[in-house]
Amino acid sequence: MAGKSGRSINNVPESSLKRAFLSWEGILLVLFVVINIFCACYSEYYNLNSLLRQMPVYLAEVFLMLPMAYILVLGEIDISVGSIVCLSATMSCIVCNTGAPFIVVIITALVVGTLCGAVNGFILTKFTELPPMIVTLATQIIFRGIAEIILGSGGSISASNTDGFRMLAGKVGSVPYILFLVLILAVIFAVILGKSTFGRRVYAIGTNRLTAYYSGIHVQKIRMIIYTIMGTVSGLCALFIVSSSYGANTTTGNGFEMDAIAMAVFGGISSTGGKGNLAGGVISAFIIVCLRVGLGQKNVHAQVILLILGVLLICAVALPNVVKQIQRTMKTRK
């Protein structure tokens, strides 16, 4: 069919398979395969068994990426989560050492994390003129400061009864429990964000907060809920961190907030709000986990791994703009 301009108009929609392959999630899947092939070639020790054995150390951070994605979709940021993990881990070890049942230890970590997240949410919803980065920077210092007061400067604490934590670190065959929990929570968070009314409201707030407010969306209530959930998940992360180290210290959780943000942004979630989905975030999280395991097996320095992740993150942020520029150039040539 030809239009008035003389150009041919194609009524056949683009193949859904082609569209999926060229999507950011499709590109990430290809990259996931490439990273695993690279790691298998680079390290003779890299295989499925070694990956399953070592990934629990890094999987705890994937928990943080899930609610962090919601915060980024809001167009905000939370850089206090590493400190919340530290404080939650510290308090869970203290309660554990009193001889309390392990269920009380679990509740302690979750309650401490939830309260910290609620503090962030309360401040940000009651004083809406304050930027989230500044507020969470302040609470980051406060929460870790409380942990340091409890532990002493540079101090640490070990869990005297590790039976409960050993159970958390258990496996079904060779598959660790934490992997099942990460995947279950990822599905729940992805469905809520992508398919529910709550998720659509989160996107609306991230796109235009004022418009969302005048559309009848309870903006501050949703922000409070998300920041509180961020704290609860940080407490859950702390439990699995303790289950791998059987203790906590003043550096526990250092840099976790940056890792969670990197996973989400690398997965295609816009840091300016209103865009992205959790499918890409989950794929990117496993790319980073596999890369860390593979390079770690060859004793690659942690700072070099961070350098590689930083380059990948810059590429992830820059690539959409590069693609748009190429498409714009091609259209002007036609």
C-alpha atoms as a PDB file:
ATOM      1  CA  MET A   1       0.000   0.000   0.000  1.00  0.00           C
ATOM      2  CA  ALA A   2       1.328   3.438  -0.966  1.00  0.00           C
ATOM      3  CA  GLY A   3       0.570   6.659   0.870  1.00  0.00           C
ATOM      4  CA  LYS A   4       0.224  10.174  -0.571  1.00  0.00           C
ATOM      5  CA  SER A   5       3.921  10.688  -0.160  1.00  0.00           C
ATOM      6  CA  GLY A   6       4.541   7.797  -2.527  1.00  0.00           C
ATOM      7  CA  ARG A   7       6.186   5.748   0.196  1.00  0.00           C
ATOM      8  CA  SER A   8       5.215   2.144   0.668  1.00  0.00           C
ATOM      9  CA  ILE A   9       3.473   1.454   3.988  1.00  0.00           C
ATOM     10  CA  ASN A  10       4.007  -1.994   5.436  1.00  0.00           C
ATOM     11  CA  ASN A  11       0.927  -3.329   7.216  1.00  0.00           C
ATOM     12  CA  VAL A  12       2.686  -6.457   8.427  1.00  0.00           C
ATOM     13  CA  PRO A  13       3.737  -6.031  12.069  1.00  0.00           C
ATOM     14  CA  GLU A  14       7.296  -6.712  13.015  1.00  0.00           C
ATOM     15  CA  SER A  15       7.882 -10.295  14.123  1.00  0.00           C
ATOM     16  CA  SER A  16       7.377 -10.679  17.864  1.00  0.00           C
ATOM     17  CA  LEU A  17      10.383 -13.030  17.921  1.00  0.00           C
ATOM     18  CA  LYS A  18      12.565 -10.430  16.217  1.00  0.00           C
ATOM     19  CA  ARG A  19      11.257  -7.717  18.536  1.00  0.00           C
ATOM     20  CA  ALA A  20      12.016  -9.867  21.596  1.00  0.00           C
ATOM     21  CA  PHE A  21      15.511 -10.674  20.328  1.00  0.00           C
ATOM     22  CA  LEU A  22      16.303  -7.018  19.696  1.00  0.00           C
ATOM     23  CA  SER A  23      14.897  -5.906  23.057  1.00  0.00           C
ATOM     24  CA  TRP A  24      17.288  -5.053  25.890  1.00  0.00           C
ATOM     25  CA  GLU A  25      16.255  -8.229  27.712  1.00  0.00           C
ATOM     26  CA  GLY A  26      17.060 -10.279  24.596  1.00  0.00           C
ATOM     27  CA  ILE A  27      20.480  -8.647  24.334  1.00  0.00           C
ATOM     28  CA  LEU A  28      21.092  -9.399  28.023  1.00  0.00           C
ATOM     29  CA  LEU A  29      20.216 -13.070  27.494  1.00  0.00           C
ATOM     30  CA  VAL A  30      22.779 -13.256  24.686  1.00  0.00           C
ATOM     31  CA  LEU A  31      25.311 -11.519  26.937  1.00  0.00           C
ATOM     32  CA  PHE A  32      24.512 -14.000  29.733  1.00  0.00           C
ATOM     33  CA  VAL A  33      25.393 -16.887  27.412  1.00  0.00           C
ATOM     34  CA  VAL A  34      28.548 -15.118  26.210  1.00  0.00           C
ATOM     35  CA  ILE A  35      29.684 -14.385  29.791  1.00  0.00           C
ATOM     36  CA  ASN A  36      29.246 -18.031  30.782  1.00  0.00           C
ATOM     37  CA  ILE A  37      31.189 -19.217  27.734  1.00  0.00           C
ATOM     38  CA  PHE A  38      33.936 -16.707  28.523  1.00  0.00           C
ATOM     39  CA  CYS A  39      34.123 -17.808  32.180  1.00  0.00           C
ATOM     40  CA  ALA A  40      34.214 -21.482  31.181  1.00  0.00           C
ATOM     41  CA  CYS A  41      37.107 -20.778  28.793  1.00  0.00           C
ATOM     42  CA  TYR A  42      38.922 -18.447  31.206  1.00  0.00           C
ATOM     43  CA  SER A  43      38.685 -20.643  34.292  1.00  0.00           C
ATOM     44  CA  GLU A  44      39.122 -24.403  34.158  1.00  0.00           C
ATOM     45  CA  TYR A  45      37.233 -24.615  37.462  1.00  0.00           C
ATOM     46  CA  TYR A  46      34.110 -22.887  36.152  1.00  0.00           C
ATOM     47  CA  ASN A  47      31.170 -25.265  35.757  1.00  0.00           C
ATOM     48  CA  LEU A  48      27.597 -25.617  36.985  1.00  0.00           C
ATOM     49  CA  ASN A  49      28.590 -27.295  40.258  1.00  0.00           C
ATOM     50  CA  SER A  50      31.191 -24.665  41.149  1.00  0.00           C
ATOM     51  CA  LEU A  51      28.770 -21.901  40.162  1.00  0.00           C
ATOM     52  CA  LEU A  52      26.029 -23.280  42.417  1.00  0.00           C
ATOM     53  CA  ARG A  53      28.536 -23.729  45.229  1.00  0.00           C
ATOM     54  CA  GLN A  54      29.915 -20.189  45.116  1.00  0.00           C
ATOM     55  CA  MET A  55      26.938 -18.077  43.992  1.00  0.00           C
ATOM     56  CA  PRO A  56      25.223 -17.881  47.451  1.00  0.00           C
ATOM     57  CA  VAL A  57      27.937 -15.414  48.502  1.00  0.00           C
ATOM     58  CA  TYR A  58      26.725 -12.985  45.820  1.00  0.00           C
ATOM     59  CA  LEU A  59      23.034 -13.876  45.541  1.00  0.00           C
ATOM     60  CA  ALA A  60      22.108 -12.051  48.751  1.00  0.00           C
ATOM     61  CA  GLU A  61      22.689  -8.754  46.927  1.00  0.00           C
ATOM     62  CA  VAL A  62      20.138  -9.753  44.277  1.00  0.00           C
ATOM     63  CA  PHE A  63      17.442  -9.457  46.967  1.00  0.00           C
ATOM     64  CA  LEU A  64      18.270  -5.750  47.234  1.00  0.00           C
ATOM     65  CA  MET A  65      17.949  -5.204  43.490  1.00  0.00           C
ATOM     66  CA  LEU A  66      14.239  -6.148  43.512  1.00  0.00           C
ATOM     67  CA  PRO A  67      12.847  -3.290  45.669  1.00  0.00           C
ATOM     68  CA  MET A  68      15.642  -0.991  44.441  1.00  0.00           C
ATOM     69  CA  ALA A  69      14.119  -1.347  40.971  1.00  0.00           C
ATOM     70  CA  TYR A  70      10.819   0.011  42.334  1.00  0.00           C
ATOM     71  CA  ILE A  71      12.632   2.977  43.877  1.00  0.00           C
ATOM     72  CA  LEU A  72      14.436   3.716  40.606  1.00  0.00           C
ATOM     73  CA  VAL A  73      11.158   3.474  38.675  1.00  0.00           C
ATOM     74  CA  LEU A  74       9.836   6.106  41.101  1.00  0.00           C
ATOM     75  CA  GLY A  75      12.728   8.277  39.919  1.00  0.00           C
ATOM     76  CA  GLU A  76      14.416   8.105  43.332  1.00  0.00           C
ATOM     77  CA  ILE A  77      17.337   6.320  44.994  1.00  0.00           C
ATOM     78  CA  ASP A  78      18.182   4.669  48.318  1.00  0.00           C
ATOM     79  CA  ILE A  79      21.853   4.492  49.250  1.00  0.00           C
ATOM     80  CA  SER A  80      21.294   3.441  52.854  1.00  0.00           C
ATOM     81  CA  VAL A  81      20.569  -0.239  52.173  1.00  0.00           C
ATOM     82  CA  GLY A  82      24.133  -1.444  52.829  1.00  0.00           C
ATOM     83  CA  SER A  83      24.029   0.139  56.270  1.00  0.00           C
ATOM     84  CA  ILE A  84      20.600  -1.372  56.956  1.00  0.00           C
ATOM     85  CA  VAL A  85      22.079  -4.784  56.117  1.00  0.00           C
ATOM     86  CA  CYS A  86      24.944  -4.109  58.526  1.00  0.00           C
ATOM     87  CA  LEU A  87      22.663  -3.079  61.396  1.00  0.00           C
ATOM     88  CA  SER A  88      20.217  -5.944  60.778  1.00  0.00           C
ATOM     89  CA  ALA A  89      23.050  -8.495  60.664  1.00  0.00           C
ATOM     90  CA  THR A  90      24.545  -7.090  63.858  1.00  0.00           C
ATOM     91  CA  MET A  91      21.247  -7.226  65.758  1.00  0.00           C
ATOM     92  CA  SER A  92      20.457 -10.744  64.527  1.00  0.00           C
ATOM     93  CA  CYS A  93      23.833 -11.977  65.814  1.00  0.00           C
ATOM     94  CA  ILE A  94      23.264 -10.299  69.195  1.00  0.00           C
ATOM     95  CA  VAL A  95      19.836 -11.914  69.574  1.00  0.00           C
ATOM     96  CA  CYS A  96      21.239 -15.261  68.398  1.00  0.00           C
ATOM     97  CA  ASN A  97      23.923 -15.107  71.099  1.00  0.00           C
ATOM     98  CA  THR A  98      21.257 -14.722  73.811  1.00  0.00           C
ATOM     99  CA  GLY A  99      20.088 -18.246  73.060  1.00  0.00           C
ATOM    100  CA  ALA A 100      16.767 -17.138  71.551  1.00  0.00           C
ATOM    101  CA  PRO A 101      14.970 -19.481  69.108  1.00  0.00           C
ATOM    102  CA  PHE A 102      16.052 -18.991  65.520  1.00  0.00           C
ATOM    103  CA  ILE A 103      12.620 -17.728  64.511  1.00  0.00           C
ATOM    104  CA  VAL A 104      13.197 -14.806  66.899  1.00  0.00           C
ATOM    105  CA  VAL A 105      16.537 -14.143  65.176  1.00  0.00           C
ATOM    106  CA  ILE A 106      14.782 -14.048  61.804  1.00  0.00           C
ATOM    107  CA  ILE A 107      12.077 -11.725  63.108  1.00  0.00           C
ATOM    108  CA  THR A 108      14.737  -9.453  64.651  1.00  0.00           C
ATOM    109  CA  ALA A 109      16.571  -8.991  61.337  1.00  0.00           C
ATOM    110  CA  LEU A 110      13.344  -8.361  59.437  1.00  0.00           C
ATOM    111  CA  VAL A 111      11.939  -5.949  62.039  1.00  0.00           C
ATOM    112  CA  VAL A 112      15.179  -3.953  62.276  1.00  0.00           C
ATOM    113  CA  GLY A 113      15.339  -3.700  58.483  1.00  0.00           C
ATOM    114  CA  THR A 114      11.667  -2.748  58.247  1.00  0.00           C
ATOM    115  CA  LEU A 115      12.031  -0.026  60.882  1.00  0.00           C
ATOM    116  CA  CYS A 116      15.053   1.435  59.086  1.00  0.00           C
ATOM    117  CA  GLY A 117      13.175   1.440  55.773  1.00  0.00           C
ATOM    118  CA  ALA A 118      10.164   3.007  57.477  1.00  0.00           C
ATOM    119  CA  VAL A 119      12.393   5.777  58.867  1.00  0.00           C
ATOM    120  CA  ASN A 120      13.552   6.567  55.315  1.00  0.00           C
ATOM    121  CA  GLY A 121       9.980   6.512  54.054  1.00  0.00           C
ATOM    122  CA  PHE A 122       8.662   8.644  56.904  1.00  0.00           C
ATOM    123  CA  ILE A 123      11.266  11.378  56.409  1.00  0.00           C
ATOM    124  CA  LEU A 124      10.818  11.451  52.630  1.00  0.00           C
ATOM    125  CA  THR A 125       7.013  11.513  52.742  1.00  0.00           C
ATOM    126  CA  LYS A 126       6.728  14.081  55.541  1.00  0.00           C
ATOM    127  CA  PHE A 127       9.416  16.387  54.173  1.00  0.00           C
ATOM    128  CA  THR A 128       8.803  16.054  50.449  1.00  0.00           C
ATOM    129  CA  GLU A 129      11.178  18.875  49.564  1.00  0.00           C
ATOM    130  CA  LEU A 130      14.168  16.787  50.718  1.00  0.00           C
ATOM    131  CA  PRO A 131      15.965  14.856  47.948  1.00  0.00           C
ATOM    132  CA  PRO A 132      16.087  11.055  48.525  1.00  0.00           C
ATOM    133  CA  MET A 133      19.841  10.902  47.888  1.00  0.00           C
ATOM    134  CA  ILE A 134      20.612  13.342  50.715  1.00  0.00           C
ATOM    135  CA  VAL A 135      18.154  11.743  53.141  1.00  0.00           C
ATOM    136  CA  THR A 136      19.382   8.199  52.521  1.00  0.00           C
ATOM    137  CA  LEU A 137      23.005   9.381  52.645  1.00  0.00           C
ATOM    138  CA  ALA A 138      22.287  10.738  56.121  1.00  0.00           C
ATOM    139  CA  THR A 139      20.518   7.562  57.256  1.00  0.00           C
ATOM    140  CA  GLN A 140      23.310   5.490  55.732  1.00  0.00           C
ATOM    141  CA  ILE A 141      25.729   7.198  58.125  1.00  0.00           C
ATOM    142  CA  ILE A 142      23.295   6.940  61.057  1.00  0.00           C
ATOM    143  CA  PHE A 143      22.479   3.230  60.643  1.00  0.00           C
ATOM    144  CA  ARG A 144      26.102   2.186  60.205  1.00  0.00           C
ATOM    145  CA  GLY A 145      27.054   4.509  63.049  1.00  0.00           C
ATOM    146  CA  ILE A 146      24.630   2.681  65.348  1.00  0.00           C
ATOM    147  CA  ALA A 147      26.173  -0.631  64.294  1.00  0.00           C
ATOM    148  CA  GLU A 148      29.661   0.731  65.007  1.00  0.00           C
ATOM    149  CA  ILE A 149      28.579   1.967  68.451  1.00  0.00           C
ATOM    150  CA  ILE A 150      27.289  -1.536  69.223  1.00  0.00           C
ATOM    151  CA  LEU A 151      30.325  -3.359  67.825  1.00  0.00           C
ATOM    152  CA  GLY A 152      32.981  -0.781  68.575  1.00  0.00           C
ATOM    153  CA  SER A 153      35.179   0.874  65.967  1.00  0.00           C
ATOM    154  CA  GLY A 154      36.298  -1.822  63.528  1.00  0.00           C
ATOM    155  CA  GLY A 155      34.631  -4.418  65.716  1.00  0.00           C
ATOM    156  CA  SER A 156      32.866  -7.631  64.798  1.00  0.00           C
ATOM    157  CA  ILE A 157      30.511 -10.203  66.268  1.00  0.00           C
ATOM    158  CA  SER A 158      30.158 -13.934  65.660  1.00  0.00           C
ATOM    159  CA  ALA A 159      27.025 -16.016  66.013  1.00  0.00           C
ATOM    160  CA  SER A 160      27.546 -18.523  68.840  1.00  0.00           C
ATOM    161  CA  ASN A 161      24.785 -20.857  67.639  1.00  0.00           C
ATOM    162  CA  THR A 162      25.064 -21.398  63.903  1.00  0.00           C
ATOM    163  CA  ASP A 163      22.503 -24.184  63.508  1.00  0.00           C
ATOM    164  CA  GLY A 164      19.773 -21.897  62.215  1.00  0.00           C
ATOM    165  CA  PHE A 165      22.096 -20.077  59.855  1.00  0.00           C
ATOM    166  CA  ARG A 166      23.420 -23.419  58.574  1.00  0.00           C
ATOM    167  CA  MET A 167      19.830 -24.320  57.748  1.00  0.00           C
ATOM    168  CA  LEU A 168      19.421 -21.085  55.728  1.00  0.00           C
ATOM    169  CA  ALA A 169      22.608 -21.964  53.854  1.00  0.00           C
ATOM    170  CA  GLY A 170      21.271 -25.446  53.073  1.00  0.00           C
ATOM    171  CA  LYS A 171      20.697 -26.995  49.652  1.00  0.00           C
ATOM    172  CA  VAL A 172      18.287 -29.169  47.732  1.00  0.00           C
ATOM    173  CA  GLY A 173      20.748 -31.463  46.044  1.00  0.00           C
ATOM    174  CA  SER A 174      23.356 -29.034  44.768  1.00  0.00           C
ATOM    175  CA  VAL A 175      20.955 -26.074  44.441  1.00  0.00           C
ATOM    176  CA  PRO A 176      21.089 -23.656  47.421  1.00  0.00           C
ATOM    177  CA  TYR A 177      17.879 -22.535  49.117  1.00  0.00           C
ATOM    178  CA  ILE A 178      18.751 -18.901  48.447  1.00  0.00           C
ATOM    179  CA  LEU A 179      18.518 -19.454  44.685  1.00  0.00           C
ATOM    180  CA  PHE A 180      14.950 -20.735  45.002  1.00  0.00           C
ATOM    181  CA  LEU A 181      14.013 -17.781  47.215  1.00  0.00           C
ATOM    182  CA  VAL A 182      15.610 -15.244  44.867  1.00  0.00           C
ATOM    183  CA  LEU A 183      13.696 -16.643  41.883  1.00  0.00           C
ATOM    184  CA  ILE A 184      10.380 -16.792  43.783  1.00  0.00           C
ATOM    185  CA  LEU A 185      10.717 -13.204  45.018  1.00  0.00           C
ATOM    186  CA  ALA A 186      11.845 -12.066  41.547  1.00  0.00           C
ATOM    187  CA  VAL A 187       8.654 -13.483  40.011  1.00  0.00           C
ATOM    188  CA  ILE A 188       6.483 -11.877  42.712  1.00  0.00           C
ATOM    189  CA  PHE A 189       8.137  -8.461  42.405  1.00  0.00           C
ATOM    190  CA  ALA A 190       8.083  -8.626  38.579  1.00  0.00           C
ATOM    191  CA  VAL A 191       4.399  -9.551  38.412  1.00  0.00           C
ATOM    192  CA  ILE A 192       3.412  -6.817  40.884  1.00  0.00           C
ATOM    193  CA  LEU A 193       5.420  -4.179  39.028  1.00  0.00           C
ATOM    194  CA  GLY A 194       4.419  -5.231  35.531  1.00  0.00           C
ATOM    195  CA  LYS A 195       0.865  -6.519  35.887  1.00  0.00           C
ATOM    196  CA  SER A 196      -0.813  -4.998  38.944  1.00  0.00           C
ATOM    197  CA  THR A 197      -2.551  -1.696  39.586  1.00  0.00           C
ATOM    198  CA  PHE A 198       0.087  -0.922  42.212  1.00  0.00           C
ATOM    199  CA  GLY A 199       2.839  -1.347  39.612  1.00  0.00           C
ATOM    200  CA  ARG A 200       1.085   0.925  37.121  1.00  0.00           C
ATOM    201  CA  ARG A 201       0.819   3.568  39.819  1.00  0.00           C
ATOM    202  CA  VAL A 202       4.545   3.259  40.514  1.00  0.00           C
ATOM    203  CA  TYR A 203       5.274   3.885  36.816  1.00  0.00           C
ATOM    204  CA  ALA A 204       2.838   6.812  36.803  1.00  0.00           C
ATOM    205  CA  ILE A 205       4.598   8.426  39.760  1.00  0.00           C
ATOM    206  CA  GLY A 206       7.993   7.946  38.118  1.00  0.00           C
ATOM    207  CA  THR A 207       6.763   9.440  34.847  1.00  0.00           C
ATOM    208  CA  ASN A 208       5.130  12.533  36.357  1.00  0.00           C
ATOM    209  CA  ARG A 209       4.523  12.744  40.093  1.00  0.00           C
ATOM    210  CA  LEU A 210       2.293  15.819  39.940  1.00  0.00           C
ATOM    211  CA  THR A 211       0.057  14.311  37.264  1.00  0.00           C
ATOM    212  CA  ALA A 212      -0.142  11.066  39.257  1.00  0.00           C
ATOM    213  CA  TYR A 213      -1.182  13.014  42.342  1.00  0.00           C
ATOM    214  CA  TYR A 214      -3.956  14.888  40.532  1.00  0.00           C
ATOM    215  CA  SER A 215      -5.086  11.581  39.009  1.00  0.00           C
ATOM    216  CA  GLY A 216      -5.962  10.378  42.498  1.00  0.00           C
ATOM    217  CA  ILE A 217      -2.887   8.238  43.179  1.00  0.00           C
ATOM    218  CA  HIS A 218      -1.745   8.254  46.812  1.00  0.00           C
ATOM    219  CA  VAL A 219       1.831   9.163  45.928  1.00  0.00           C
ATOM    220  CA  GLN A 220       3.250   9.490  49.438  1.00  0.00           C
ATOM    221  CA  LYS A 221       1.570   6.287  50.631  1.00  0.00           C
ATOM    222  CA  ILE A 222       3.112   4.299  47.768  1.00  0.00           C
ATOM    223  CA  ARG A 223       6.535   5.828  48.418  1.00  0.00           C
ATOM    224  CA  MET A 224       6.252   4.901  52.113  1.00  0.00           C
ATOM    225  CA  ILE A 225       5.332   1.313  51.242  1.00  0.00           C
ATOM    226  CA  ILE A 226       8.232   0.891  48.813  1.00  0.00           C
ATOM    227  CA  TYR A 227      10.892   2.310  51.141  1.00  0.00           C
ATOM    228  CA  THR A 228       9.584   0.144  53.985  1.00  0.00           C
ATOM    229  CA  ILE A 229       9.719  -2.969  51.788  1.00  0.00           C
ATOM    230  CA  MET A 230      13.264  -1.979  50.821  1.00  0.00           C
ATOM    231  CA  GLY A 231      14.159  -2.126  54.511  1.00  0.00           C
ATOM    232  CA  THR A 232      12.446  -5.492  55.028  1.00  0.00           C
ATOM    233  CA  VAL A 233      14.303  -7.037  52.091  1.00  0.00           C
ATOM    234  CA  SER A 234      17.561  -5.574  53.447  1.00  0.00           C
ATOM    235  CA  GLY A 235      16.887  -7.456  56.690  1.00  0.00           C
ATOM    236  CA  LEU A 236      16.325 -10.649  54.672  1.00  0.00           C
ATOM    237  CA  CYS A 237      19.611 -10.024  52.844  1.00  0.00           C
ATOM    238  CA  ALA A 238      21.361  -9.630  56.220  1.00  0.00           C
ATOM    239  CA  LEU A 239      20.173 -13.088  57.331  1.00  0.00           C
ATOM    240  CA  PHE A 240      21.759 -14.748  54.317  1.00  0.00           C
ATOM    241  CA  ILE A 241      24.943 -12.700  54.693  1.00  0.00           C
ATOM    242  CA  VAL A 242      25.272 -14.001  58.269  1.00  0.00           C
ATOM    243  CA  SER A 243      24.490 -17.532  57.068  1.00  0.00           C
ATOM    244  CA  SER A 244      27.578 -17.412  54.842  1.00  0.00           C
ATOM    245  CA  SER A 245      29.970 -15.764  57.327  1.00  0.00           C
ATOM    246  CA  TYR A 246      28.367 -16.662  60.712  1.00  0.00           C
ATOM    247  CA  GLY A 247      28.946 -13.136  61.909  1.00  0.00           C
ATOM    248  CA  ALA A 248      28.921  -9.431  61.133  1.00  0.00           C
ATOM    249  CA  ASN A 249      31.312  -6.504  61.378  1.00  0.00           C
ATOM    250  CA  THR A 250      31.330  -2.778  60.743  1.00  0.00           C
ATOM    251  CA  THR A 251      32.064  -3.288  57.027  1.00  0.00           C
ATOM    252  CA  THR A 252      29.207  -5.745  56.405  1.00  0.00           C
ATOM    253  CA  GLY A 253      27.093  -4.539  53.492  1.00  0.00           C
ATOM    254  CA  ASN A 254      29.650  -2.032  52.228  1.00  0.00           C
ATOM    255  CA  GLY A 255      28.872  -1.177  48.605  1.00  0.00           C
ATOM    256  CA  PHE A 256      25.704  -3.280  48.460  1.00  0.00           C
ATOM    257  CA  GLU A 257      23.631  -0.253  47.488  1.00  0.00           C
ATOM    258  CA  MET A 258      25.829   0.432  44.472  1.00  0.00           C
ATOM    259  CA  ASP A 259      25.683  -3.224  43.401  1.00  0.00           C
ATOM    260  CA  ALA A 260      21.874  -3.235  43.626  1.00  0.00           C
ATOM    261  CA  ILE A 261      21.639  -0.008  41.613  1.00  0.00           C
ATOM    262  CA  ALA A 262      24.112  -1.326  39.027  1.00  0.00           C
ATOM    263  CA  MET A 263      22.122  -4.553  38.573  1.00  0.00           C
ATOM    264  CA  ALA A 264      18.880  -2.625  38.090  1.00  0.00           C
ATOM    265  CA  VAL A 265      20.291   0.022  35.724  1.00  0.00           C
ATOM    266  CA  PHE A 266      22.253  -2.557  33.725  1.00  0.00           C
ATOM    267  CA  GLY A 267      18.949  -4.424  33.404  1.00  0.00           C
ATOM    268  CA  GLY A 268      17.404  -1.470  31.614  1.00  0.00           C
ATOM    269  CA  ILE A 269      15.615   0.276  34.479  1.00  0.00           C
ATOM    270  CA  SER A 270      15.883   4.024  34.000  1.00  0.00           C
ATOM    271  CA  SER A 271      17.452   5.980  36.836  1.00  0.00           C
ATOM    272  CA  THR A 272      15.238   8.931  35.913  1.00  0.00           C
ATOM    273  CA  GLY A 273      12.061   6.986  36.612  1.00  0.00           C
ATOM    274  CA  GLY A 274       9.050   5.605  34.764  1.00  0.00           C
ATOM    275  CA  LYS A 275      10.862   3.049  32.580  1.00  0.00           C
ATOM    276  CA  GLY A 276      12.191  -0.490  32.734  1.00  0.00           C
ATOM    277  CA  ASN A 277      11.087  -3.868  34.016  1.00  0.00           C
ATOM    278  CA  LEU A 278      12.420  -6.448  36.429  1.00  0.00           C
ATOM    279  CA  ALA A 279      13.057  -9.146  33.826  1.00  0.00           C
ATOM    280  CA  GLY A 280      16.130  -7.275  32.609  1.00  0.00           C
ATOM    281  CA  GLY A 281      17.220  -6.571  36.178  1.00  0.00           C
ATOM    282  CA  VAL A 282      17.128 -10.267  37.095  1.00  0.00           C
ATOM    283  CA  ILE A 283      19.082 -11.282  33.990  1.00  0.00           C
ATOM    284  CA  SER A 284      21.700  -8.585  34.610  1.00  0.00           C
ATOM    285  CA  ALA A 285      21.986  -9.681  38.251  1.00  0.00           C
ATOM    286  CA  PHE A 286      22.858 -13.230  37.195  1.00  0.00           C
ATOM    287  CA  ILE A 287      25.300 -11.914  34.592  1.00  0.00           C
ATOM    288  CA  ILE A 288      27.135 -10.046  37.342  1.00  0.00           C
ATOM    289  CA  VAL A 289      27.027 -13.055  39.701  1.00  0.00           C
ATOM    290  CA  CYS A 290      28.442 -15.392  37.029  1.00  0.00           C
ATOM    291  CA  LEU A 291      31.144 -12.889  36.088  1.00  0.00           C
ATOM    292  CA  ARG A 292      32.209 -12.496  39.724  1.00  0.00           C
ATOM    293  CA  VAL A 293      32.349 -16.255  40.288  1.00  0.00           C
ATOM    294  CA  GLY A 294      34.293 -16.910  37.077  1.00  0.00           C
ATOM    295  CA  LEU A 295      36.846 -14.136  37.576  1.00  0.00           C
ATOM    296  CA  GLY A 296      37.106 -14.866  41.293  1.00  0.00           C
ATOM    297  CA  GLN A 297      38.137 -18.447  40.566  1.00  0.00           C
ATOM    298  CA  LYS A 298      41.233 -17.089  38.802  1.00  0.00           C
ATOM    299  CA  ASN A 299      41.967 -14.726  41.715  1.00  0.00           C
ATOM    300  CA  VAL A 300      41.258 -11.611  39.682  1.00  0.00           C
ATOM    301  CA  HIS A 301      41.501  -8.651  42.055  1.00  0.00           C
ATOM    302  CA  ALA A 302      38.157  -7.404  43.354  1.00  0.00           C
ATOM    303  CA  GLN A 303      38.928  -3.873  42.128  1.00  0.00           C
ATOM    304  CA  VAL A 304      39.464  -5.180  38.589  1.00  0.00           C
ATOM    305  CA  ILE A 305      36.076  -6.904  38.724  1.00  0.00           C
ATOM    306  CA  LEU A 306      34.523  -3.618  39.874  1.00  0.00           C
ATOM    307  CA  LEU A 307      36.259  -1.870  36.964  1.00  0.00           C
ATOM    308  CA  ILE A 308      34.741  -4.352  34.502  1.00  0.00           C
ATOM    309  CA  LEU A 309      31.292  -3.947  36.055  1.00  0.00           C
ATOM    310  CA  GLY A 310      31.667  -0.160  35.860  1.00  0.00           C
ATOM    311  CA  VAL A 311      32.470  -0.354  32.143  1.00  0.00           C
ATOM    312  CA  LEU A 312      29.455  -2.619  31.561  1.00  0.00           C
ATOM    313  CA  LEU A 313      27.246  -0.169  33.451  1.00  0.00           C
ATOM    314  CA  ILE A 314      28.448   2.801  31.389  1.00  0.00           C
ATOM    315  CA  CYS A 315      27.821   0.803  28.208  1.00  0.00           C
ATOM    316  CA  ALA A 316      24.320  -0.085  29.421  1.00  0.00           C
ATOM    317  CA  VAL A 317      23.501   3.562  30.049  1.00  0.00           C
ATOM    318  CA  ALA A 318      25.088   4.831  26.826  1.00  0.00           C
ATOM    319  CA  LEU A 319      23.895   2.121  24.407  1.00  0.00           C
ATOM    320  CA  PRO A 320      20.249   3.255  24.077  1.00  0.00           C
ATOM    321  CA  ASN A 321      21.409   6.772  23.206  1.00  0.00           C
ATOM    322  CA  VAL A 322      23.875   5.385  20.653  1.00  0.00           C
ATOM    323  CA  VAL A 323      21.149   3.233  19.072  1.00  0.00           C
ATOM    324  CA  LYS A 324      18.782   6.216  18.881  1.00  0.00           C
ATOM    325  CA  GLN A 325      21.491   8.319  17.255  1.00  0.00           C
ATOM    326  CA  ILE A 326      22.172   5.591  14.662  1.00  0.00           C
ATOM    327  CA  GLN A 327      18.444   5.260  13.906  1.00  0.00           C
ATOM    328  CA  ARG A 328      18.139   9.036  13.562  1.00  0.00           C
ATOM    329  CA  THR A 329      21.105   9.113  11.183  1.00  0.00           C
ATOM    330  CA  MET A 330      19.669   6.318   9.059  1.00  0.00           C
ATOM    331  CA  LYS A 331      16.300   8.076   8.812  1.00  0.00           C
ATOM    332  CA  THR A 332      17.882  11.333   7.635  1.00  0.00           C
ATOM    333  CA  ARG A 333      19.770   9.450   4.892  1.00  0.00           C
ATOM    334  CA  LYS A 334      16.583   7.938   3.468  1.00  0.00           C
END
